[in-house]
Amino acid sequence: MEIHEIKSRLSIEVVLKYYGLQTDKNGMLKCPFHEDDKPSLKVYKNTNTFNCFGCGANGGIPTKN
């Protein structure tokens, strides 16, 4: 199994849990990429992506194409 295959089987929820992060009921959490007083990072579970409205960090889990 290749790395891209392993990553494509992971959900963003599994990755967040691994790092001890959890979203609130709205899919928001404090951004781990900058000092954050309130949740500014939105996690989109249906696309395995995230976007921080504070610092602009964004990305996600690679998926099979």
Protein backbone atom coordinates (compact mmCIF):
# COMPACT_ATOMS: atom_id res chain seq x y z
CA MET A 1 0.00 0.00 0.00
CA GLU A 2 1.33 3.43 -0.95
CA ILE A 3 1.19 6.57 1.18
CA HIS A 4 -1.49 8.24 -0.97
CA GLU A 5 -3.69 5.16 -0.52
CA ILE A 6 -3.31 5.28 3.26
CA LYS A 7 -4.05 9.01 3.38
CA SER A 8 -7.10 8.58 1.16
CA ARG A 9 -8.60 6.18 3.72
CA LEU A 10 -8.22 8.61 6.62
CA SER A 11 -10.93 11.03 7.59
CA ILE A 12 -10.09 14.47 8.88
CA GLU A 13 -11.82 13.48 12.13
CA VAL A 14 -9.29 10.67 12.69
CA VAL A 15 -6.39 13.05 12.07
CA LEU A 16 -7.82 15.66 14.45
CA LYS A 17 -8.34 13.05 17.14
CA TYR A 18 -4.75 11.83 16.72
CA TYR A 19 -3.52 15.36 17.48
CA GLY A 20 -5.93 15.80 20.39
CA LEU A 21 -8.16 18.28 18.57
CA GLN A 22 -11.94 18.26 18.53
CA THR A 23 -14.43 20.50 16.79
CA ASP A 24 -17.45 22.01 18.45
CA LYS A 25 -20.98 21.22 17.25
CA ASN A 26 -20.53 23.69 14.38
CA GLY A 27 -17.31 22.13 13.12
CA MET A 28 -15.14 24.92 14.54
CA LEU A 29 -12.00 24.78 16.67
CA LYS A 30 -9.20 27.04 17.81
CA CYS A 31 -6.64 27.15 15.04
CA PRO A 32 -3.43 25.31 15.94
CA PHE A 33 -1.46 27.42 13.43
CA HIS A 34 -1.74 30.75 15.28
CA GLU A 35 -2.68 32.21 18.67
CA ASP A 36 -6.44 31.96 18.82
CA ASP A 37 -8.81 33.28 21.50
CA LYS A 38 -11.91 31.80 19.92
CA PRO A 39 -12.54 29.10 17.33
CA SER A 40 -11.68 30.42 13.88
CA LEU A 41 -10.87 27.20 12.01
CA LYS A 42 -13.76 25.49 10.24
CA VAL A 43 -13.53 21.76 9.51
CA TYR A 44 -15.58 20.46 6.59
CA LYS A 45 -16.01 16.77 7.36
CA ASN A 46 -17.79 15.98 4.10
CA THR A 47 -14.76 17.09 2.05
CA ASN A 48 -12.00 16.35 4.60
CA THR A 49 -10.81 19.95 4.41
CA PHE A 50 -10.35 22.92 6.73
CA ASN A 51 -10.12 26.69 6.50
CA CYS A 52 -9.01 29.18 9.13
CA PHE A 53 -10.77 32.50 8.89
CA GLY A 54 -8.13 34.07 11.16
CA CYS A 55 -4.80 33.24 9.52
CA GLY A 56 -5.91 31.80 6.18
CA ALA A 57 -4.49 28.32 6.75
CA ASN A 58 -6.35 25.75 4.68
CA GLY A 59 -5.95 22.26 3.35
CA GLY A 60 -7.14 18.77 3.93
CA ILE A 61 -6.66 15.07 3.60
CA PRO A 62 -5.71 13.99 0.07
CA THR A 63 -8.34 11.87 -1.62
CA LYS A 64 -8.21 9.38 -4.46
CA ASN A 65 -8.61 10.93 -7.88
